[in-house]
Amino acid sequence: MTDVYHRFKQLERSRLEDYFQKIESSQDLQTLLTVTLSHLLDIRERHQYSHHVEEVLDIIKREYQTELTLKEVSDRLFLNTVYLGQIIKKETGATFAELLNRKRIKMAQQLLVTGDYGIEEICFRVGYTNIGYFYKIFKRFCG
């Protein structure tokens, strides 16, 4: 849940504290799951993205392995590049490049854990063309 709150930076800390109090008072797994599901649905209702940002997130989800740029995506959506960049930043708290890098690094982490691939192969599989840049971004996101 802490990761969810980091993703939606504009949520209040008091909500997280309230959630943790409910977790601590849960007596069984069913209660814990009910509290968590209810809390996630509440967050979702409070934080809906606009249609354009949803489309961008969907494109990133489907095509993160390809060379995606904000310009290319904005052309596809028939939107001004600067405008699209601004609404992405406003609604998600991150730039297009940050969202793309997050997705790529998340997939790289999964490949590292589940696959028998070398670092170089993983780098290319998740959409990076420069291994040095991949290392830099990986270190920034994962430490």
N, C-alpha and C. Protein backbone atom coordinates (compact mmCIF):
# COMPACT_ATOMS: atom_id res chain seq x y z
N MET A 1 0.83 -1.19 0.00
CA MET A 1 0.00 0.00 0.00
C MET A 1 0.87 1.24 0.00
N THR A 2 2.02 1.16 0.63
CA THR A 2 2.94 2.30 0.62
C THR A 2 3.36 2.63 -0.81
N ASP A 3 3.59 1.62 -1.63
CA ASP A 3 3.92 1.84 -3.04
C ASP A 3 2.79 2.53 -3.77
N VAL A 4 1.57 2.16 -3.46
CA VAL A 4 0.40 2.81 -4.07
C VAL A 4 0.41 4.29 -3.72
N TYR A 5 0.68 4.61 -2.47
CA TYR A 5 0.70 6.01 -2.05
C TYR A 5 1.84 6.79 -2.69
N HIS A 6 2.98 6.13 -2.89
CA HIS A 6 4.08 6.81 -3.58
C HIS A 6 3.71 7.10 -5.02
N ARG A 7 2.96 6.20 -5.63
CA ARG A 7 2.55 6.40 -7.03
C ARG A 7 1.59 7.58 -7.14
N PHE A 8 0.68 7.69 -6.20
CA PHE A 8 -0.29 8.79 -6.21
C PHE A 8 0.13 9.80 -5.15
N LYS A 9 1.13 10.57 -5.46
CA LYS A 9 1.78 11.45 -4.49
C LYS A 9 0.85 12.43 -3.81
N GLN A 10 -0.27 12.75 -4.45
CA GLN A 10 -1.12 13.79 -3.88
C GLN A 10 -2.06 13.27 -2.79
N LEU A 11 -2.03 12.00 -2.47
CA LEU A 11 -2.87 11.48 -1.39
C LEU A 11 -2.30 11.90 -0.04
N GLU A 12 -3.18 12.12 0.90
CA GLU A 12 -2.75 12.61 2.20
C GLU A 12 -2.17 11.48 3.05
N ARG A 13 -1.17 11.83 3.83
CA ARG A 13 -0.51 10.86 4.72
C ARG A 13 -1.48 10.32 5.77
N SER A 14 -2.44 11.13 6.17
CA SER A 14 -3.40 10.69 7.19
C SER A 14 -4.21 9.50 6.71
N ARG A 15 -4.46 9.43 5.41
CA ARG A 15 -5.20 8.28 4.87
C ARG A 15 -4.39 6.99 5.02
N LEU A 16 -3.09 7.09 4.80
CA LEU A 16 -2.23 5.93 4.94
C LEU A 16 -2.18 5.48 6.40
N GLU A 17 -2.08 6.42 7.31
CA GLU A 17 -2.06 6.09 8.73
C GLU A 17 -3.38 5.44 9.16
N ASP A 18 -4.49 5.95 8.63
CA ASP A 18 -5.80 5.38 8.92
C ASP A 18 -5.88 3.94 8.41
N TYR A 19 -5.35 3.71 7.24
CA TYR A 19 -5.33 2.37 6.65
C TYR A 19 -4.51 1.41 7.53
N PHE A 20 -3.33 1.85 7.97
CA PHE A 20 -2.48 1.00 8.80
C PHE A 20 -3.16 0.68 10.14
N GLN A 21 -3.92 1.61 10.68
CA GLN A 21 -4.64 1.33 11.92
C GLN A 21 -5.69 0.24 11.69
N LYS A 22 -6.36 0.29 10.54
CA LYS A 22 -7.35 -0.74 10.22
C LYS A 22 -6.69 -2.09 10.02
N ILE A 23 -5.50 -2.10 9.43
CA ILE A 23 -4.76 -3.35 9.25
C ILE A 23 -4.44 -3.97 10.61
N GLU A 24 -3.93 -3.13 11.51
CA GLU A 24 -3.55 -3.62 12.84
C GLU A 24 -4.74 -4.17 13.62
N SER A 25 -5.91 -3.64 13.37
CA SER A 25 -7.09 -4.11 14.10
C SER A 25 -7.76 -5.31 13.43
N SER A 26 -7.29 -5.71 12.25
CA SER A 26 -7.86 -6.87 11.56
C SER A 26 -7.55 -8.14 12.34
N GLN A 27 -8.58 -8.94 12.55
CA GLN A 27 -8.44 -10.17 13.33
C GLN A 27 -8.14 -11.40 12.49
N ASP A 28 -8.52 -11.34 11.19
CA ASP A 28 -8.28 -12.50 10.34
C ASP A 28 -7.96 -12.04 8.92
N LEU A 29 -7.56 -12.98 8.09
CA LEU A 29 -7.15 -12.67 6.71
C LEU A 29 -8.30 -12.09 5.91
N GLN A 30 -9.51 -12.61 6.08
CA GLN A 30 -10.67 -12.11 5.33
C GLN A 30 -10.91 -10.63 5.63
N THR A 31 -10.82 -10.24 6.87
CA THR A 31 -11.00 -8.84 7.25
C THR A 31 -9.90 -7.98 6.63
N LEU A 32 -8.68 -8.48 6.69
CA LEU A 32 -7.54 -7.76 6.11
C LEU A 32 -7.74 -7.55 4.61
N LEU A 33 -8.17 -8.58 3.91
CA LEU A 33 -8.41 -8.46 2.47
C LEU A 33 -9.55 -7.50 2.17
N THR A 34 -10.59 -7.56 2.95
CA THR A 34 -11.73 -6.66 2.75
C THR A 34 -11.32 -5.20 2.96
N VAL A 35 -10.58 -4.94 4.03
CA VAL A 35 -10.10 -3.58 4.31
C VAL A 35 -9.21 -3.08 3.18
N THR A 36 -8.29 -3.93 2.72
CA THR A 36 -7.36 -3.53 1.67
C THR A 36 -8.08 -3.27 0.35
N LEU A 37 -8.98 -4.16 -0.04
CA LEU A 37 -9.73 -3.97 -1.28
C LEU A 37 -10.57 -2.70 -1.24
N SER A 38 -11.23 -2.49 -0.13
CA SER A 38 -12.03 -1.28 0.04
C SER A 38 -11.18 -0.02 -0.09
N HIS A 39 -10.01 -0.06 0.53
CA HIS A 39 -9.10 1.09 0.49
C HIS A 39 -8.59 1.34 -0.93
N LEU A 40 -8.24 0.29 -1.64
CA LEU A 40 -7.77 0.44 -3.02
C LEU A 40 -8.86 0.99 -3.92
N LEU A 41 -10.08 0.52 -3.75
CA LEU A 41 -11.18 1.04 -4.56
C LEU A 41 -11.44 2.51 -4.27
N ASP A 42 -11.29 2.90 -3.01
CA ASP A 42 -11.45 4.30 -2.62
C ASP A 42 -10.38 5.16 -3.30
N ILE A 43 -9.15 4.68 -3.30
CA ILE A 43 -8.05 5.42 -3.96
C ILE A 43 -8.34 5.54 -5.45
N ARG A 44 -8.77 4.46 -6.05
CA ARG A 44 -9.05 4.46 -7.49
C ARG A 44 -10.13 5.47 -7.85
N GLU A 45 -11.18 5.51 -7.05
CA GLU A 45 -12.26 6.45 -7.32
C GLU A 45 -11.80 7.90 -7.20
N ARG A 46 -10.90 8.16 -6.28
CA ARG A 46 -10.41 9.52 -6.07
C ARG A 46 -9.39 9.94 -7.11
N HIS A 47 -8.78 8.97 -7.79
CA HIS A 47 -7.69 9.30 -8.69
C HIS A 47 -7.90 8.66 -10.07
N GLN A 48 -8.77 9.24 -10.85
CA GLN A 48 -9.00 8.77 -12.21
C GLN A 48 -8.21 9.65 -13.17
N TYR A 49 -7.56 9.01 -14.12
CA TYR A 49 -6.82 9.76 -15.13
C TYR A 49 -7.74 10.17 -16.25
N SER A 50 -7.37 11.22 -16.96
CA SER A 50 -8.12 11.64 -18.13
C SER A 50 -7.97 10.59 -19.22
N HIS A 51 -8.82 10.67 -20.20
CA HIS A 51 -8.80 9.72 -21.32
C HIS A 51 -7.44 9.71 -22.01
N HIS A 52 -6.88 10.88 -22.25
CA HIS A 52 -5.60 10.97 -22.95
C HIS A 52 -4.46 10.32 -22.16
N VAL A 53 -4.43 10.56 -20.87
CA VAL A 53 -3.37 9.98 -20.04
C VAL A 53 -3.56 8.46 -19.96
N GLU A 54 -4.80 8.00 -19.87
CA GLU A 54 -5.07 6.55 -19.89
C GLU A 54 -4.53 5.93 -21.18
N GLU A 55 -4.75 6.62 -22.30
CA GLU A 55 -4.25 6.12 -23.59
C GLU A 55 -2.73 6.03 -23.60
N VAL A 56 -2.07 7.04 -23.07
CA VAL A 56 -0.61 7.05 -23.01
C VAL A 56 -0.11 5.90 -22.15
N LEU A 57 -0.73 5.72 -20.98
CA LEU A 57 -0.32 4.62 -20.09
C LEU A 57 -0.53 3.27 -20.75
N ASP A 58 -1.60 3.14 -21.52
CA ASP A 58 -1.87 1.90 -22.23
C ASP A 58 -0.83 1.64 -23.32
N ILE A 59 -0.45 2.68 -24.04
CA ILE A 59 0.58 2.55 -25.07
C ILE A 59 1.90 2.13 -24.44
N ILE A 60 2.26 2.76 -23.33
CA ILE A 60 3.50 2.38 -22.63
C ILE A 60 3.43 0.92 -22.19
N LYS A 61 2.31 0.53 -21.65
CA LYS A 61 2.14 -0.85 -21.18
C LYS A 61 2.32 -1.86 -22.31
N ARG A 62 1.76 -1.56 -23.48
CA ARG A 62 1.82 -2.49 -24.61
C ARG A 62 3.12 -2.44 -25.38
N GLU A 63 3.73 -1.24 -25.47
CA GLU A 63 4.83 -1.06 -26.40
C GLU A 63 6.13 -0.58 -25.76
N TYR A 64 6.32 -0.85 -24.48
CA TYR A 64 7.51 -0.36 -23.79
C TYR A 64 8.81 -0.86 -24.41
N GLN A 65 8.77 -1.98 -25.13
CA GLN A 65 9.99 -2.55 -25.72
C GLN A 65 10.46 -1.79 -26.95
N THR A 66 9.59 -0.99 -27.52
CA THR A 66 9.93 -0.25 -28.73
C THR A 66 10.47 1.13 -28.38
N GLU A 67 11.00 1.82 -29.36
CA GLU A 67 11.49 3.18 -29.14
C GLU A 67 10.30 4.13 -29.15
N LEU A 68 9.79 4.42 -27.98
CA LEU A 68 8.66 5.33 -27.84
C LEU A 68 9.15 6.72 -27.47
N THR A 69 8.55 7.71 -28.07
CA THR A 69 8.84 9.09 -27.69
C THR A 69 7.52 9.80 -27.45
N LEU A 70 7.57 10.84 -26.66
CA LEU A 70 6.37 11.65 -26.41
C LEU A 70 5.85 12.21 -27.73
N LYS A 71 6.73 12.63 -28.59
CA LYS A 71 6.35 13.19 -29.90
C LYS A 71 5.56 12.17 -30.71
N GLU A 72 6.07 10.94 -30.77
CA GLU A 72 5.39 9.90 -31.55
C GLU A 72 4.00 9.60 -30.96
N VAL A 73 3.93 9.50 -29.66
CA VAL A 73 2.66 9.19 -29.01
C VAL A 73 1.68 10.34 -29.19
N SER A 74 2.15 11.56 -29.05
CA SER A 74 1.25 12.71 -29.22
C SER A 74 0.75 12.80 -30.66
N ASP A 75 1.60 12.46 -31.63
CA ASP A 75 1.15 12.43 -33.03
C ASP A 75 0.06 11.38 -33.23
N ARG A 76 0.24 10.23 -32.62
CA ARG A 76 -0.75 9.15 -32.73
C ARG A 76 -2.09 9.57 -32.15
N LEU A 77 -2.04 10.34 -31.06
CA LEU A 77 -3.26 10.76 -30.38
C LEU A 77 -3.79 12.09 -30.92
N PHE A 78 -3.11 12.64 -31.91
CA PHE A 78 -3.49 13.93 -32.51
C PHE A 78 -3.56 15.04 -31.47
N LEU A 79 -2.52 15.08 -30.62
CA LEU A 79 -2.43 16.10 -29.58
C LEU A 79 -1.11 16.83 -29.68
N ASN A 80 -1.09 18.05 -29.21
CA ASN A 80 0.14 18.82 -29.16
C ASN A 80 1.08 18.16 -28.14
N THR A 81 2.35 18.02 -28.52
CA THR A 81 3.34 17.34 -27.69
C THR A 81 3.50 18.02 -26.33
N VAL A 82 3.61 19.32 -26.31
CA VAL A 82 3.79 20.06 -25.06
C VAL A 82 2.57 19.89 -24.16
N TYR A 83 1.39 20.00 -24.74
CA TYR A 83 0.15 19.85 -23.97
C TYR A 83 0.07 18.46 -23.36
N LEU A 84 0.36 17.42 -24.16
CA LEU A 84 0.29 16.05 -23.65
C LEU A 84 1.30 15.85 -22.53
N GLY A 85 2.50 16.36 -22.70
CA GLY A 85 3.51 16.27 -21.65
C GLY A 85 3.07 16.93 -20.36
N GLN A 86 2.40 18.06 -20.50
CA GLN A 86 1.93 18.79 -19.32
C GLN A 86 0.83 18.03 -18.57
N ILE A 87 -0.12 17.46 -19.32
CA ILE A 87 -1.20 16.75 -18.62
C ILE A 87 -0.70 15.43 -18.02
N ILE A 88 0.26 14.80 -18.66
CA ILE A 88 0.85 13.59 -18.08
C ILE A 88 1.52 13.94 -16.75
N LYS A 89 2.31 14.99 -16.74
CA LYS A 89 3.02 15.42 -15.53
C LYS A 89 2.03 15.83 -14.44
N LYS A 90 1.00 16.57 -14.82
CA LYS A 90 0.02 17.05 -13.86
C LYS A 90 -0.74 15.89 -13.21
N GLU A 91 -1.15 14.92 -14.00
CA GLU A 91 -2.00 13.84 -13.48
C GLU A 91 -1.23 12.71 -12.82
N THR A 92 -0.01 12.43 -13.28
CA THR A 92 0.74 11.30 -12.74
C THR A 92 1.87 11.72 -11.83
N GLY A 93 2.28 12.97 -11.93
CA GLY A 93 3.42 13.44 -11.15
C GLY A 93 4.76 13.05 -11.76
N ALA A 94 4.72 12.47 -12.96
CA ALA A 94 5.95 12.02 -13.63
C ALA A 94 5.90 12.44 -15.09
N THR A 95 7.07 12.52 -15.70
CA THR A 95 7.13 12.82 -17.13
C THR A 95 6.90 11.55 -17.93
N PHE A 96 6.69 11.71 -19.22
CA PHE A 96 6.53 10.56 -20.10
C PHE A 96 7.74 9.64 -20.00
N ALA A 97 8.93 10.22 -20.05
CA ALA A 97 10.16 9.43 -19.99
C ALA A 97 10.26 8.66 -18.67
N GLU A 98 9.86 9.29 -17.57
CA GLU A 98 9.90 8.60 -16.28
C GLU A 98 8.93 7.42 -16.25
N LEU A 99 7.74 7.62 -16.79
CA LEU A 99 6.77 6.52 -16.83
C LEU A 99 7.28 5.37 -17.69
N LEU A 100 7.86 5.69 -18.82
CA LEU A 100 8.41 4.67 -19.71
C LEU A 100 9.57 3.94 -19.03
N ASN A 101 10.45 4.68 -18.40
CA ASN A 101 11.59 4.06 -17.70
C ASN A 101 11.12 3.18 -16.55
N ARG A 102 10.11 3.62 -15.81
CA ARG A 102 9.57 2.81 -14.71
C ARG A 102 9.08 1.45 -15.22
N LYS A 103 8.33 1.50 -16.32
CA LYS A 103 7.80 0.27 -16.89
C LYS A 103 8.94 -0.63 -17.35
N ARG A 104 9.91 -0.07 -18.04
CA ARG A 104 11.02 -0.86 -18.54
C ARG A 104 11.84 -1.48 -17.40
N ILE A 105 12.10 -0.72 -16.38
CA ILE A 105 12.88 -1.23 -15.25
C ILE A 105 12.10 -2.29 -14.49
N LYS A 106 10.81 -2.08 -14.35
CA LYS A 106 9.97 -3.10 -13.69
C LYS A 106 10.04 -4.42 -14.46
N MET A 107 9.97 -4.35 -15.78
CA MET A 107 10.04 -5.56 -16.59
C MET A 107 11.45 -6.17 -16.53
N ALA A 108 12.47 -5.33 -16.49
CA ALA A 108 13.84 -5.82 -16.37
C ALA A 108 14.02 -6.56 -15.05
N GLN A 109 13.46 -6.04 -13.98
CA GLN A 109 13.54 -6.70 -12.68
C GLN A 109 12.89 -8.09 -12.75
N GLN A 110 11.74 -8.16 -13.40
CA GLN A 110 11.06 -9.45 -13.53
C GLN A 110 11.90 -10.44 -14.33
N LEU A 111 12.51 -9.96 -15.41
CA LEU A 111 13.36 -10.84 -16.23
C LEU A 111 14.60 -11.30 -15.46
N LEU A 112 15.14 -10.41 -14.64
CA LEU A 112 16.29 -10.79 -13.83
C LEU A 112 15.95 -11.91 -12.85
N VAL A 113 14.76 -11.84 -12.29
CA VAL A 113 14.35 -12.82 -11.29
C VAL A 113 13.88 -14.12 -11.93
N THR A 114 13.14 -14.02 -13.03
CA THR A 114 12.48 -15.20 -13.58
C THR A 114 13.18 -15.82 -14.78
N GLY A 115 14.02 -15.06 -15.45
CA GLY A 115 14.61 -15.58 -16.68
C GLY A 115 16.06 -15.95 -16.54
N ASP A 116 16.56 -16.61 -17.56
CA ASP A 116 17.98 -16.98 -17.62
C ASP A 116 18.68 -16.09 -18.64
N TYR A 117 18.45 -14.81 -18.55
CA TYR A 117 19.01 -13.86 -19.51
C TYR A 117 20.17 -13.11 -18.88
N GLY A 118 21.09 -12.71 -19.73
CA GLY A 118 22.17 -11.85 -19.28
C GLY A 118 21.69 -10.41 -19.24
N ILE A 119 22.46 -9.56 -18.60
CA ILE A 119 22.10 -8.15 -18.46
C ILE A 119 21.93 -7.49 -19.83
N GLU A 120 22.84 -7.77 -20.74
CA GLU A 120 22.77 -7.16 -22.07
C GLU A 120 21.49 -7.56 -22.80
N GLU A 121 21.12 -8.82 -22.73
CA GLU A 121 19.91 -9.28 -23.40
C GLU A 121 18.66 -8.64 -22.77
N ILE A 122 18.66 -8.55 -21.44
CA ILE A 122 17.53 -7.92 -20.76
C ILE A 122 17.42 -6.47 -21.17
N CYS A 123 18.55 -5.80 -21.26
CA CYS A 123 18.59 -4.40 -21.67
C CYS A 123 17.86 -4.21 -23.00
N PHE A 124 18.17 -5.05 -23.96
CA PHE A 124 17.57 -4.92 -25.29
C PHE A 124 16.12 -5.40 -25.30
N ARG A 125 15.80 -6.40 -24.51
CA ARG A 125 14.43 -6.92 -24.46
C ARG A 125 13.44 -5.90 -23.91
N VAL A 126 13.88 -5.05 -23.00
CA VAL A 126 12.95 -4.08 -22.40
C VAL A 126 12.95 -2.73 -23.13
N GLY A 127 13.71 -2.63 -24.21
CA GLY A 127 13.60 -1.44 -25.03
C GLY A 127 14.76 -0.47 -25.00
N TYR A 128 15.81 -0.77 -24.24
CA TYR A 128 16.97 0.12 -24.23
C TYR A 128 17.94 -0.31 -25.32
N THR A 129 18.60 0.66 -25.94
CA THR A 129 19.58 0.36 -26.98
C THR A 129 21.00 0.63 -26.52
N ASN A 130 21.14 1.24 -25.34
CA ASN A 130 22.44 1.59 -24.81
C ASN A 130 22.58 0.98 -23.41
N ILE A 131 23.52 0.06 -23.27
CA ILE A 131 23.68 -0.65 -22.00
C ILE A 131 24.10 0.30 -20.87
N GLY A 132 24.96 1.26 -21.17
CA GLY A 132 25.37 2.22 -20.16
C GLY A 132 24.19 3.02 -19.62
N TYR A 133 23.30 3.44 -20.52
CA TYR A 133 22.11 4.18 -20.10
C TYR A 133 21.20 3.27 -19.27
N PHE A 134 21.06 2.02 -19.68
CA PHE A 134 20.27 1.05 -18.93
C PHE A 134 20.80 0.93 -17.50
N TYR A 135 22.12 0.78 -17.33
CA TYR A 135 22.72 0.69 -16.00
C TYR A 135 22.40 1.94 -15.17
N LYS A 136 22.53 3.10 -15.80
CA LYS A 136 22.29 4.36 -15.10
C LYS A 136 20.84 4.45 -14.61
N ILE A 137 19.90 4.12 -15.49
CA ILE A 137 18.48 4.19 -15.12
C ILE A 137 18.14 3.13 -14.09
N PHE A 138 18.67 1.93 -14.26
CA PHE A 138 18.43 0.84 -13.32
C PHE A 138 18.91 1.24 -11.92
N LYS A 139 20.10 1.82 -11.86
CA LYS A 139 20.65 2.24 -10.57
C LYS A 139 19.79 3.34 -9.95
N ARG A 140 19.31 4.27 -10.77
CA ARG A 140 18.49 5.36 -10.25
C ARG A 140 17.21 4.82 -9.63
N PHE A 141 16.58 3.83 -10.27
CA PHE A 141 15.31 3.31 -9.78
C PHE A 141 15.47 2.25 -8.69
N CYS A 142 16.56 1.49 -8.74
CA CYS A 142 16.69 0.34 -7.84
C CYS A 142 17.79 0.49 -6.81
N GLY A 143 18.62 1.49 -6.95
CA GLY A 143 19.70 1.69 -5.99
C GLY A 143 20.90 0.80 -6.28
